[in-house]
């Protein structure tokens, strides 16, 4: 009989607080205080974009996988959080892994196969179901959920994938620099998960404090990183706003006005305390241009009508354009609300999760109520009562997303940290005179997105500037000390600044897919990821392996 010393955490009021516990482990799982044990080649904690891609990469390479998910939906930001894909402009042909592009194709095929579409829409190769301007493939969260489920079902049936929904990691058994087991707690029981490798695919980097892995949060200072756009001082609690997204449609002539939210009066008059100053009251349809920080007017019309120089927010993240479907299929368009007006910046999720999520929900419901009752209309009237909250599309009773859209999490102290000088255009030119991102010999993928930071909890307004098409270095995925724990989400070795261009859908997928393949390669060669990175021949062999499986490790010179 072996004694395991689990580092436990109680979750009261959303605060993770240390609660040392001791569990007895033996071959007979029933003797471990009722908990059973499961084993696999890799345990993935978190079923978001990075987690799903990790599982697919590992399964493709013959591994046995356990993946847990805190909610009852896999997919992370694209499903449970309600965020249509933000992607680079080359995404249809390159700039992501092949499997990510196959995933996008499967979404389009699902609509064409299942939905009553017009002939013109069905014939569109690059179908955008919602014709939203934020993405070339704005679509419903439930469709991604169906596509991902289809991808995993054969592996679940064969027993190679164990998927544990509504399970959260609550304790870890750590011996030296290795994690030997993770305890997860679900609705019915606790389970102890064993594997040679563990992946932190949680939205907040939950495994880092659980396992004692060194990490940072918030802003680093210019002195810390030498970054051009870094803050003057470091502050662990200075983090980007998060958002409780929601879907709504519009039924002209109907009245779907919700009850007045309890915090409506607060949010109706709230003026964010940002520097430079915000453009007025939060709910009003104005904001600061992210690049220039000049006040900018926004428009809104739920019938998709042009609103002139002001961007019509309805069209921006529209996930269903009713005109793509046969008449009568939809009473109106459906749009996802992830706007400046419902970014929540009054506190951080790592300090008091439940309190801040509850208040962020009040903000989003207050925005909806304001749109229904007070939003200016072109006819000089007020309010659009026909707006309808579509919780059925989000799988929730309160009508909002299952989980907050998290832009920033705990980040590992990595073997290599990606700095602005590596990927930011202005600083890269200043440092090296080069208009290309820094090349990495240990590249395991590529990505692109502007360095886009939303307003923060300590009063920073937008930080938004041009980046360069970059490579993803393996060193940013390897903790300084831990040997068998790998991050695949917003918890990799970026800074507060560079996280802004590494946090979106195709990049997170690429990181996860490469890590799933990495674990298979490490087990096959009986070496650690750190050794692979530090041994040029092994690194080259691994890069050849992921390239053969559709992972691009450098940008095309002609793109």
Protein backbone atom coordinates (compact mmCIF):
# COMPACT_ATOMS: atom_id res chain seq x y z
CA UNK A 1 0.00 0.00 0.00
CA UNK A 2 1.37 3.42 -1.02
CA UNK A 3 0.60 6.66 0.71
CA UNK A 4 -0.17 9.54 -1.63
CA UNK A 5 0.08 13.11 -0.39
CA UNK A 6 -2.46 15.03 -2.40
CA UNK A 7 -2.30 18.81 -2.45
CA UNK A 8 -5.99 19.65 -2.14
CA UNK A 9 -7.99 22.82 -2.64
CA UNK A 10 -11.42 23.68 -1.36
CA UNK A 11 -13.57 25.75 -3.65
CA UNK A 12 -15.71 27.98 -1.47
CA UNK A 13 -17.12 31.11 -2.99
CA UNK A 14 -14.93 30.49 -6.03
CA UNK A 15 -11.69 30.94 -4.10
CA UNK A 16 -9.09 28.22 -4.28
CA UNK A 17 -7.68 27.83 -0.79
CA UNK A 18 -5.01 25.37 0.31
CA UNK A 19 -6.44 22.35 2.08
CA UNK A 20 -3.71 19.70 2.59
CA UNK A 21 -5.18 16.21 2.59
CA UNK A 22 -3.81 12.68 2.61
CA UNK A 23 -5.35 9.88 0.56
CA UNK A 24 -4.45 6.21 0.81
CA UNK A 25 -3.81 4.60 -2.57
CA UNK A 26 -3.65 0.89 -3.29
CA UNK A 27 -4.46 -1.47 -6.11
CA UNK A 28 -8.03 -1.88 -4.90
CA UNK A 29 -9.53 1.48 -5.88
CA UNK A 30 -12.62 0.89 -3.76
CA UNK A 31 -10.48 1.30 -0.64
CA UNK A 32 -9.49 4.88 -1.50
CA UNK A 33 -12.33 6.57 0.36
CA UNK A 34 -14.77 5.43 -2.30
CA UNK A 35 -12.79 6.89 -5.17
CA UNK A 36 -11.94 4.76 -8.17
CA UNK A 37 -8.79 5.03 -10.27
CA UNK A 38 -8.41 5.30 -14.03
CA UNK A 39 -5.21 5.17 -16.03
CA UNK A 40 -4.18 6.25 -19.52
CA UNK A 41 -1.14 7.35 -21.52
CA UNK A 42 -2.20 10.97 -21.14
CA UNK A 43 -4.68 12.77 -18.89
CA UNK A 44 -6.09 16.04 -20.21
CA UNK A 45 -7.78 18.29 -17.69
CA UNK A 46 -10.07 20.60 -19.64
CA UNK A 47 -12.09 19.98 -22.80
CA UNK A 48 -11.73 23.33 -24.57
CA UNK A 49 -10.12 23.98 -27.95
CA UNK A 50 -6.65 23.10 -26.68
CA UNK A 51 -7.85 20.06 -24.78
CA UNK A 52 -9.85 18.64 -27.69
CA UNK A 53 -6.96 19.16 -30.10
CA UNK A 54 -4.57 17.50 -27.63
CA UNK A 55 -6.87 14.50 -27.43
CA UNK A 56 -7.16 14.25 -31.22
CA UNK A 57 -3.39 14.48 -31.66
CA UNK A 58 -2.78 11.82 -29.01
CA UNK A 59 -5.50 9.50 -30.31
CA UNK A 60 -4.19 9.83 -33.85
CA UNK A 61 -0.84 8.58 -32.55
CA UNK A 62 -2.25 5.52 -30.83
CA UNK A 63 -2.43 6.73 -27.24
CA UNK A 64 -5.09 5.97 -24.66
CA UNK A 65 -6.61 9.23 -23.43
CA UNK A 66 -8.65 10.50 -20.50
CA UNK A 67 -10.12 13.97 -20.92
CA UNK A 68 -12.16 15.80 -18.29
CA UNK A 69 -14.35 18.87 -18.69
CA UNK A 70 -15.72 21.10 -15.96
CA UNK A 71 -18.99 21.82 -17.81
CA UNK A 72 -21.23 19.47 -19.78
CA UNK A 73 -19.99 20.80 -23.15
CA UNK A 74 -16.60 20.27 -24.74
CA UNK A 75 -15.24 23.00 -27.03
CA UNK A 76 -14.29 25.78 -24.64
CA UNK A 77 -14.39 29.27 -26.10
CA UNK A 78 -16.12 28.17 -29.32
CA UNK A 79 -19.02 26.39 -27.56
CA UNK A 80 -19.51 26.87 -23.82
CA UNK A 81 -18.23 30.47 -23.97
CA UNK A 82 -20.06 31.48 -27.15
CA UNK A 83 -17.16 33.01 -29.10
CA UNK A 84 -17.19 32.51 -32.90
CA UNK A 85 -13.70 31.81 -34.29
CA UNK A 86 -11.29 34.75 -34.47
CA UNK A 87 -8.78 33.73 -37.11
CA UNK A 88 -6.00 34.95 -39.37
CA UNK A 89 -6.91 36.09 -42.91
CA UNK A 90 -5.14 33.13 -44.57
CA UNK A 91 -7.07 30.50 -42.63
CA UNK A 92 -8.91 28.94 -45.58
CA UNK A 93 -5.69 27.62 -47.14
CA UNK A 94 -2.90 27.80 -44.55
CA UNK A 95 -1.86 29.40 -41.27
CA UNK A 96 -3.27 26.57 -39.15
CA UNK A 97 -3.01 22.82 -38.85
CA UNK A 98 -4.73 20.68 -41.46
CA UNK A 99 -6.97 19.14 -38.82
CA UNK A 100 -8.20 22.59 -37.78
CA UNK A 101 -9.15 23.35 -41.38
CA UNK A 102 -10.82 19.93 -41.58
CA UNK A 103 -12.77 20.83 -38.43
CA UNK A 104 -13.97 24.04 -40.11
CA UNK A 105 -14.99 22.09 -43.20
CA UNK A 106 -16.94 19.67 -41.01
CA UNK A 107 -18.89 22.59 -39.53
CA UNK A 108 -19.87 23.78 -43.01
CA UNK A 109 -20.76 20.26 -44.09
CA UNK A 110 -22.95 19.83 -41.01
CA UNK A 111 -25.05 22.84 -41.97
CA UNK A 112 -25.31 21.71 -45.59
CA UNK A 113 -26.26 18.17 -44.58
CA UNK A 114 -28.65 18.88 -41.69
CA UNK A 115 -30.16 22.35 -42.12
CA UNK A 116 -32.77 23.47 -44.69
CA UNK A 117 -30.51 25.87 -46.58
CA UNK A 118 -31.10 27.76 -49.79
CA UNK A 119 -29.48 26.25 -52.88
CA UNK A 120 -27.20 29.27 -53.16
CA UNK A 121 -25.96 28.99 -49.58
CA UNK A 122 -25.47 25.22 -49.82
CA UNK A 123 -23.38 25.67 -52.96
CA UNK A 124 -21.05 28.13 -51.24
CA UNK A 125 -17.70 26.42 -50.64
CA UNK A 126 -16.72 28.92 -47.96
CA UNK A 127 -20.13 29.05 -46.30
CA UNK A 128 -20.42 31.48 -43.41
CA UNK A 129 -23.72 30.48 -41.74
CA UNK A 130 -24.17 33.80 -39.95
CA UNK A 131 -22.25 36.03 -42.37
CA UNK A 132 -20.84 37.73 -39.29
CA UNK A 133 -17.95 40.03 -40.03
CA UNK A 134 -15.73 38.86 -37.15
CA UNK A 135 -15.15 35.47 -38.78
CA UNK A 136 -15.48 33.63 -42.05
CA UNK A 137 -17.35 30.89 -40.23
CA UNK A 138 -19.70 32.45 -37.66
CA UNK A 139 -21.94 29.65 -36.46
CA UNK A 140 -23.87 28.22 -33.52
CA UNK A 141 -22.07 26.70 -30.52
CA UNK A 142 -24.24 23.59 -30.71
CA UNK A 143 -22.98 22.81 -34.21
CA UNK A 144 -19.37 22.79 -33.05
CA UNK A 145 -20.44 20.61 -30.13
CA UNK A 146 -22.03 18.15 -32.58
CA UNK A 147 -18.96 18.13 -34.84
CA UNK A 148 -16.50 17.58 -31.98
CA UNK A 149 -18.74 14.84 -30.56
CA UNK A 150 -18.75 13.10 -33.95
CA UNK A 151 -14.94 13.30 -34.04
CA UNK A 152 -14.63 11.65 -30.63
CA UNK A 153 -17.42 9.06 -30.76
CA UNK A 154 -15.38 6.33 -32.53
CA UNK A 155 -12.64 6.63 -29.91
CA UNK A 156 -15.14 6.57 -27.05
CA UNK A 157 -16.78 3.46 -28.50
CA UNK A 158 -13.43 1.70 -28.90
CA UNK A 159 -12.45 2.51 -25.32
CA UNK A 160 -9.41 4.58 -26.28
CA UNK A 161 -10.96 7.82 -25.03
CA UNK A 162 -12.61 8.26 -21.66
CA UNK A 163 -14.51 11.55 -21.56
CA UNK A 164 -15.53 12.76 -18.09
CA UNK A 165 -17.99 15.65 -18.30
CA UNK A 166 -18.73 17.88 -15.30
CA UNK A 167 -15.54 16.89 -13.50
CA UNK A 168 -13.15 19.41 -11.98
CA UNK A 169 -9.59 18.84 -10.76
CA UNK A 170 -9.43 19.32 -7.00
CA UNK A 171 -6.14 17.76 -5.89
CA UNK A 172 -2.80 16.56 -7.20
CA UNK A 173 -0.23 14.00 -6.11
CA UNK A 174 3.22 15.41 -6.93
CA UNK A 175 6.51 13.61 -6.35
CA UNK A 176 9.53 15.83 -6.92
CA UNK A 177 9.18 17.42 -10.34
CA UNK A 178 6.50 15.05 -11.59
CA UNK A 179 2.75 14.77 -11.22
CA UNK A 180 1.79 11.18 -10.45
CA UNK A 181 -2.00 11.57 -10.16
CA UNK A 182 -4.82 14.08 -10.34
CA UNK A 183 -8.00 13.78 -8.33
CA UNK A 184 -11.14 15.05 -10.04
CA UNK A 185 -14.53 15.56 -8.46
CA UNK A 186 -17.83 15.22 -10.28
CA UNK A 187 -21.54 15.12 -9.60
CA UNK A 188 -21.54 11.52 -8.40
CA UNK A 189 -18.03 10.60 -7.29
CA UNK A 190 -14.34 11.34 -7.10
CA UNK A 191 -11.89 9.73 -9.48
CA UNK A 192 -8.11 9.49 -9.29
CA UNK A 193 -6.46 9.75 -12.71
CA UNK A 194 -3.04 8.26 -13.41
CA UNK A 195 -0.78 8.76 -16.44
CA UNK A 196 2.84 9.39 -17.38
CA UNK A 197 1.77 12.80 -18.77
CA UNK A 198 -0.77 15.41 -17.69
CA UNK A 199 -2.04 18.34 -19.72
CA UNK A 200 -3.46 21.54 -18.27
CA UNK A 201 -6.15 22.47 -20.78
CA UNK A 202 -8.25 24.43 -18.29
CA UNK A 203 -9.34 27.95 -19.11
CA UNK A 204 -7.71 29.41 -15.99
CA UNK A 205 -4.60 27.23 -15.66
CA UNK A 206 -6.11 25.37 -12.70
CA UNK A 207 -3.45 22.67 -12.53
CA UNK A 208 -0.62 25.14 -11.96
CA UNK A 209 -1.45 25.99 -8.31
CA UNK A 210 -2.75 22.45 -7.70
CA UNK A 211 0.57 20.91 -8.71
CA UNK A 212 2.85 23.62 -7.33
CA UNK A 213 4.00 24.53 -10.84
CA UNK A 214 5.55 27.99 -10.93
CA UNK A 215 3.35 30.55 -12.69
CA UNK A 216 2.64 34.24 -13.13
CA UNK A 217 -0.53 36.28 -13.54
CA UNK A 218 -1.32 39.81 -14.60
CA UNK A 219 1.12 42.36 -15.93
CA UNK A 220 4.88 42.21 -16.02
CA UNK A 221 6.77 45.50 -15.87
CA UNK A 222 9.02 46.98 -18.52
CA UNK A 223 11.89 46.18 -16.16
CA UNK A 224 10.80 42.53 -16.08
CA UNK A 225 10.52 41.95 -19.81
CA UNK A 226 11.86 44.97 -21.68
CA UNK A 227 8.63 45.07 -23.67
CA UNK A 228 7.72 48.31 -25.38
CA UNK A 229 4.05 48.17 -24.38
CA UNK A 230 4.48 46.62 -20.92
CA UNK A 231 3.25 48.43 -17.82
CA UNK A 232 5.63 50.49 -15.72
CA UNK A 233 4.97 48.20 -12.77
CA UNK A 234 4.10 44.53 -12.44
CA UNK A 235 0.74 43.64 -10.92
CA UNK A 236 -0.58 40.07 -10.64
CA UNK A 237 -4.16 41.39 -10.34
CA UNK A 238 -4.02 43.58 -13.45
CA UNK A 239 -5.72 41.22 -15.89
CA UNK A 240 -7.85 41.57 -18.99
CA UNK A 241 -11.61 41.80 -18.68
CA UNK A 242 -13.65 38.64 -19.19
CA UNK A 243 -17.11 38.40 -20.73
CA UNK A 244 -20.32 36.48 -20.15
CA UNK A 245 -21.51 36.13 -23.73
CA UNK A 246 -25.09 35.44 -24.82
CA UNK A 247 -27.08 34.76 -27.96
CA UNK A 248 -30.20 36.63 -29.02
CA UNK A 249 -32.53 36.77 -31.98
CA UNK A 250 -35.15 39.32 -33.00
CA UNK A 251 -38.87 38.76 -33.48
CA UNK A 252 -40.40 41.91 -34.89
CA UNK A 253 -43.62 42.92 -33.17
CA UNK A 254 -43.11 40.62 -30.19
CA UNK A 255 -42.25 41.59 -26.62
CA UNK A 256 -39.57 39.43 -25.02
CA UNK A 257 -38.45 42.00 -22.46
CA UNK A 258 -36.79 40.31 -19.50
CA UNK A 259 -37.33 41.32 -15.88
CA UNK A 260 -35.22 44.28 -14.86
CA UNK A 261 -31.89 42.88 -13.58
CA UNK A 262 -31.16 43.56 -9.93
CA UNK A 263 -27.96 45.46 -10.75
CA UNK A 264 -29.39 47.34 -13.74
CA UNK A 265 -29.26 50.77 -12.13
CA UNK A 266 -25.59 50.30 -11.27
CA UNK A 267 -24.59 49.15 -14.73
CA UNK A 268 -26.82 51.69 -16.48
CA UNK A 269 -24.84 54.54 -14.91
CA UNK A 270 -21.44 52.85 -14.75
CA UNK A 271 -18.53 54.74 -16.32
CA UNK A 272 -15.36 52.59 -16.43
CA UNK A 273 -12.33 54.09 -14.71
CA UNK A 274 -9.76 53.54 -17.45
CA UNK A 275 -6.70 55.42 -18.60
CA UNK A 276 -6.97 56.91 -21.16
CA UNK A 277 -10.56 57.68 -20.19
CA UNK A 278 -13.44 55.59 -21.54
CA UNK A 279 -15.85 57.25 -23.93
CA UNK A 280 -18.82 57.50 -21.54
CA UNK A 281 -21.23 55.14 -19.81
CA UNK A 282 -20.43 51.49 -20.43
CA UNK A 283 -23.82 50.42 -21.81
CA UNK A 284 -24.06 53.30 -24.29
CA UNK A 285 -23.07 52.35 -27.80
CA UNK A 286 -19.68 54.00 -27.73
CA UNK A 287 -16.21 52.73 -26.96
CA UNK A 288 -12.58 53.59 -27.53
CA UNK A 289 -11.01 52.62 -30.83
CA UNK A 290 -8.58 49.89 -29.67
CA UNK A 291 -5.72 51.15 -31.86
CA UNK A 292 -6.06 54.91 -31.36
CA UNK A 293 -8.11 55.05 -28.11
CA UNK A 294 -10.23 57.80 -29.65
CA UNK A 295 -13.96 57.72 -28.80
CA UNK A 296 -15.88 55.75 -31.40
CA UNK A 297 -19.62 55.37 -31.96
CA UNK A 298 -21.17 51.96 -32.47
CA UNK A 299 -24.44 51.14 -34.20
CA UNK A 300 -27.19 48.62 -33.58
CA UNK A 301 -30.11 47.42 -35.67
CA UNK A 302 -31.41 43.84 -35.17
CA UNK A 303 -32.65 43.56 -38.76
CA UNK A 304 -29.09 43.91 -40.05
CA UNK A 305 -29.75 47.30 -41.60
CA UNK A 306 -26.68 49.40 -42.35
CA UNK A 307 -25.90 51.90 -39.59
CA UNK A 308 -23.62 54.17 -41.61
CA UNK A 309 -20.16 54.93 -40.28
CA UNK A 310 -20.95 53.15 -37.01
CA UNK A 311 -20.40 49.38 -37.07
CA UNK A 312 -23.71 47.55 -36.64
CA UNK A 313 -22.93 45.30 -33.68
CA UNK A 314 -25.76 42.97 -34.66
CA UNK A 315 -23.89 41.94 -37.82
CA UNK A 316 -20.48 41.70 -36.18
CA UNK A 317 -20.97 38.33 -34.45
CA UNK A 318 -24.14 37.20 -36.22
CA UNK A 319 -24.16 33.39 -36.10
CA UNK A 320 -27.31 32.82 -38.20
CA UNK A 321 -28.28 34.87 -41.23
CA UNK A 322 -31.86 33.77 -41.84
CA UNK A 323 -31.44 34.50 -45.56
CA UNK A 324 -29.07 31.53 -45.86
CA UNK A 325 -31.93 29.20 -44.93
CA UNK A 326 -35.29 28.36 -46.46
CA UNK A 327 -38.07 30.84 -45.69
CA UNK A 328 -39.67 30.20 -42.31
CA UNK A 329 -36.70 28.33 -40.84
CA UNK A 330 -35.78 31.26 -38.59
CA UNK A 331 -37.99 34.15 -37.45
CA UNK A 332 -34.94 36.40 -37.58
CA UNK A 333 -31.17 36.41 -37.49
CA UNK A 334 -29.30 35.22 -34.41
CA UNK A 335 -26.38 37.20 -33.03
CA UNK A 336 -23.83 36.55 -30.31
CA UNK A 337 -23.11 39.36 -27.86
CA UNK A 338 -19.43 39.71 -26.98
CA UNK A 339 -19.10 43.48 -27.10
CA UNK A 340 -17.14 46.20 -25.30
CA UNK A 341 -20.40 46.85 -23.41
CA UNK A 342 -20.33 43.51 -21.55
CA UNK A 343 -16.62 43.21 -20.84
CA UNK A 344 -16.34 42.83 -17.06
CA UNK A 345 -13.31 44.51 -15.43
CA UNK A 346 -14.24 44.89 -11.75
CA UNK A 347 -12.29 41.87 -10.52
CA UNK A 348 -10.34 38.78 -11.46
CA UNK A 349 -11.57 35.22 -11.72
CA UNK A 350 -8.60 33.79 -9.84
CA UNK A 351 -9.51 35.70 -6.68
CA UNK A 352 -13.29 35.24 -6.42
CA UNK A 353 -14.69 33.28 -9.35
CA UNK A 354 -18.33 32.97 -8.36
CA UNK A 355 -18.80 36.56 -7.20
CA UNK A 356 -17.34 38.08 -10.35
CA UNK A 357 -19.13 35.66 -12.68
CA UNK A 358 -22.44 36.55 -10.98
CA UNK A 359 -21.78 40.26 -11.42
CA UNK A 360 -20.67 39.75 -15.03
CA UNK A 361 -23.95 37.96 -15.68
CA UNK A 362 -25.78 40.95 -14.24
CA UNK A 363 -23.82 43.19 -16.63
CA UNK A 364 -24.77 41.09 -19.65
CA UNK A 365 -28.43 40.90 -18.62
CA UNK A 366 -28.41 44.65 -17.99
CA UNK A 367 -27.06 45.21 -21.50
CA UNK A 368 -29.86 43.07 -22.93
CA UNK A 369 -32.49 44.91 -20.87
CA UNK A 370 -31.08 48.26 -22.02
CA UNK A 371 -31.24 47.11 -25.66
CA UNK A 372 -34.86 46.01 -25.15
CA UNK A 373 -36.01 49.16 -23.36
CA UNK A 374 -33.71 52.16 -23.89
CA UNK A 375 -31.50 51.67 -26.93
CA UNK A 376 -32.04 54.52 -29.42
CA UNK A 377 -33.84 53.51 -32.63
CA UNK A 378 -33.63 55.18 -36.07
CA UNK A 379 -37.29 56.28 -35.73
CA UNK A 380 -36.33 58.23 -32.58
CA UNK A 381 -38.01 55.64 -30.38
CA UNK A 382 -36.35 53.62 -27.67
CA UNK A 383 -35.78 49.93 -27.21
CA UNK A 384 -36.18 46.74 -29.23
CA UNK A 385 -38.57 44.56 -27.15
CA UNK A 386 -38.53 41.90 -29.87
CA UNK A 387 -34.98 40.92 -28.87
CA UNK A 388 -35.11 37.43 -27.37
CA UNK A 389 -32.52 35.81 -25.13
CA UNK A 390 -31.64 32.39 -26.58
CA UNK A 391 -30.45 30.33 -23.66
CA UNK A 392 -31.63 27.23 -25.52
CA UNK A 393 -28.79 27.78 -27.98
CA UNK A 394 -26.30 28.08 -25.13
CA UNK A 395 -27.63 25.11 -23.16
CA UNK A 396 -28.40 27.18 -20.06
CA UNK A 397 -31.44 28.18 -18.02
CA UNK A 398 -30.24 31.73 -17.35
CA UNK A 399 -29.73 32.38 -21.06
CA UNK A 400 -26.05 33.19 -20.81
CA UNK A 401 -22.95 31.19 -21.75
CA UNK A 402 -22.03 28.19 -19.61
CA UNK A 403 -18.63 29.65 -18.78
CA UNK A 404 -16.99 33.07 -18.95
CA UNK A 405 -14.93 33.95 -21.99
CA UNK A 406 -11.49 34.06 -20.38
CA UNK A 407 -8.89 36.16 -22.16
CA UNK A 408 -6.08 35.75 -19.68
CA UNK A 409 -5.11 32.97 -17.27
CA UNK A 410 -2.27 31.81 -15.07
CA UNK A 411 0.85 31.39 -17.23
CA UNK A 412 3.64 28.93 -16.58
CA UNK A 413 7.14 30.14 -15.86
CA UNK A 414 8.47 28.55 -19.01
CA UNK A 415 11.80 27.33 -20.30
CA UNK A 416 11.38 30.08 -22.89
CA UNK A 417 9.05 33.07 -22.64
CA UNK A 418 7.66 34.72 -25.76
CA UNK A 419 8.22 38.49 -25.54
CA UNK A 420 7.00 41.43 -27.56
CA UNK A 421 10.44 41.69 -29.17
CA UNK A 422 9.80 38.28 -30.75
CA UNK A 423 6.36 38.95 -32.28
CA UNK A 424 5.49 42.66 -32.01
CA UNK A 425 6.08 44.54 -35.26
CA UNK A 426 7.24 47.86 -33.81
CA UNK A 427 9.66 46.41 -31.27
CA UNK A 428 10.88 43.73 -33.66
CA UNK A 429 11.84 46.41 -36.17
CA UNK A 430 13.52 48.44 -33.44
CA UNK A 431 15.47 45.50 -32.03
CA UNK A 432 16.55 43.70 -35.19
CA UNK A 433 15.46 45.82 -38.13
CA UNK A 434 13.49 42.76 -39.26
CA UNK A 435 9.86 42.81 -40.35
CA UNK A 436 9.51 39.08 -39.65
CA UNK A 437 8.84 37.50 -36.28
CA UNK A 438 11.74 35.82 -34.52
CA UNK A 439 12.52 32.37 -35.95
CA UNK A 440 12.47 29.48 -33.49
CA UNK A 441 14.47 26.30 -34.05
CA UNK A 442 11.97 24.48 -31.83
CA UNK A 443 8.85 25.63 -33.71
CA UNK A 444 5.87 23.33 -33.29
CA UNK A 445 3.33 25.47 -35.16
CA UNK A 446 2.43 28.90 -36.46
CA UNK A 447 -0.14 31.58 -35.77
CA UNK A 448 -1.18 35.14 -36.25
CA UNK A 449 -3.40 37.67 -34.53
CA UNK A 450 -2.98 41.29 -33.59
CA UNK A 451 -1.72 41.89 -30.07
CA UNK A 452 -5.16 42.67 -28.74
CA UNK A 453 -5.64 43.28 -25.02
CA UNK A 454 -9.04 44.34 -23.72
CA UNK A 455 -9.36 46.84 -20.85
CA UNK A 456 -8.00 45.54 -17.59
CA UNK A 457 -9.01 45.20 -13.97
CA UNK A 458 -6.55 47.90 -12.84
CA UNK A 459 -7.66 50.53 -15.33
CA UNK A 460 -5.70 50.00 -18.53
CA UNK A 461 -7.70 50.86 -21.62
CA UNK A 462 -7.22 48.78 -24.78
CA UNK A 463 -3.68 47.82 -25.76
CA UNK A 464 -3.89 46.92 -29.43
CA UNK A 465 -1.10 46.99 -32.00
CA UNK A 466 0.29 45.13 -34.96
CA UNK A 467 2.08 41.83 -34.58
CA UNK A 468 3.92 39.63 -37.07
CA UNK A 469 3.11 36.12 -38.28
CA UNK A 470 4.90 33.97 -35.76
CA UNK A 471 6.08 30.49 -34.90
CA UNK A 472 5.10 28.69 -31.69
CA UNK A 473 8.24 27.63 -29.79
CA UNK A 474 8.17 24.36 -27.89
CA UNK A 475 10.14 26.02 -25.09
CA UNK A 476 7.07 28.12 -24.22
CA UNK A 477 5.18 24.90 -23.44
CA UNK A 478 7.76 23.41 -21.09
CA UNK A 479 7.70 24.53 -17.45
CA UNK A 480 11.02 25.54 -15.91
CA UNK A 481 10.90 22.67 -13.43
CA UNK A 482 8.00 20.25 -13.89
CA UNK A 483 8.73 17.32 -16.20
CA UNK A 484 5.39 15.80 -17.18
CA UNK A 485 2.89 18.66 -17.04
CA UNK A 486 2.23 20.54 -20.27
CA UNK A 487 0.01 23.61 -20.90
CA UNK A 488 -2.10 23.99 -24.05
CA UNK A 489 -4.26 27.08 -23.55
CA UNK A 490 -3.69 30.63 -22.35
CA UNK A 491 -1.37 29.15 -19.72
CA UNK A 492 1.70 28.81 -21.97
CA UNK A 493 4.88 30.88 -21.57
CA UNK A 494 3.71 34.20 -22.91
CA UNK A 495 3.61 37.56 -21.15
CA UNK A 496 0.57 39.71 -20.42
CA UNK A 497 1.40 41.47 -23.71
CA UNK A 498 2.11 38.52 -26.02
CA UNK A 499 -0.81 36.50 -24.68
CA UNK A 500 -2.85 39.00 -26.71
CA UNK A 501 -1.90 37.31 -29.99
CA UNK A 502 -1.67 33.68 -28.79
CA UNK A 503 -5.11 33.30 -27.19
CA UNK A 504 -7.40 32.65 -30.16
CA UNK A 505 -8.97 29.53 -31.62
CA UNK A 506 -6.56 28.20 -34.31
CA UNK A 507 -3.46 28.87 -32.21
CA UNK A 508 -4.87 27.10 -29.17
CA UNK A 509 -5.83 24.19 -31.42
CA UNK A 510 -2.33 24.06 -32.93
CA UNK A 511 -0.69 24.06 -29.50
CA UNK A 512 -2.94 21.25 -28.28
CA UNK A 513 -2.54 19.10 -31.37
CA UNK A 514 1.25 19.40 -31.23
CA UNK A 515 1.29 18.51 -27.52
CA UNK A 516 -0.84 15.42 -28.11
CA UNK A 517 1.65 14.30 -30.75
CA UNK A 518 4.58 15.29 -28.52
CA UNK A 519 3.45 12.98 -25.74
CA UNK A 520 3.22 10.07 -28.17
CA UNK A 521 6.70 10.86 -29.50
CA UNK A 522 8.15 11.16 -25.98
CA UNK A 523 6.66 7.83 -24.88
CA UNK A 524 7.84 6.10 -28.04
CA UNK A 525 11.42 7.36 -27.65
CA UNK A 526 11.41 7.13 -23.84
CA UNK A 527 12.60 10.72 -23.44
CA UNK A 528 11.12 13.84 -21.88
CA UNK A 529 9.76 16.81 -23.83
CA UNK A 530 12.60 18.85 -22.37
CA UNK A 531 15.16 16.39 -23.79
CA UNK A 532 13.44 16.47 -27.18
CA UNK A 533 13.76 20.25 -27.28
CA UNK A 534 17.37 20.23 -26.13
CA UNK A 535 18.51 17.50 -28.55
CA UNK A 536 18.64 18.82 -32.11
CA UNK A 537 18.28 15.41 -33.78
CA UNK A 538 15.24 14.52 -31.67
CA UNK A 539 13.74 17.96 -32.22
CA UNK A 540 14.14 17.61 -35.96
CA UNK A 541 12.57 14.14 -35.92
CA UNK A 542 9.63 15.43 -33.90
CA UNK A 543 9.12 18.38 -36.26
CA UNK A 544 9.15 15.99 -39.22
CA UNK A 545 6.56 13.88 -37.43
CA UNK A 546 4.12 16.75 -36.83
CA UNK A 547 4.66 18.14 -40.33
CA UNK A 548 3.73 14.74 -41.76
CA UNK A 549 0.48 15.00 -39.79
CA UNK A 550 -0.49 18.40 -41.16
CA UNK A 551 1.13 20.82 -38.72
CA UNK A 552 2.86 23.79 -40.34
CA UNK A 553 5.98 24.90 -38.48
CA UNK A 554 6.81 27.95 -40.61
CA UNK A 555 4.89 30.43 -42.70
CA UNK A 556 4.91 30.15 -46.46
CA UNK A 557 7.31 32.73 -47.90
CA UNK A 558 4.72 33.82 -50.47
CA UNK A 559 1.90 34.45 -47.97
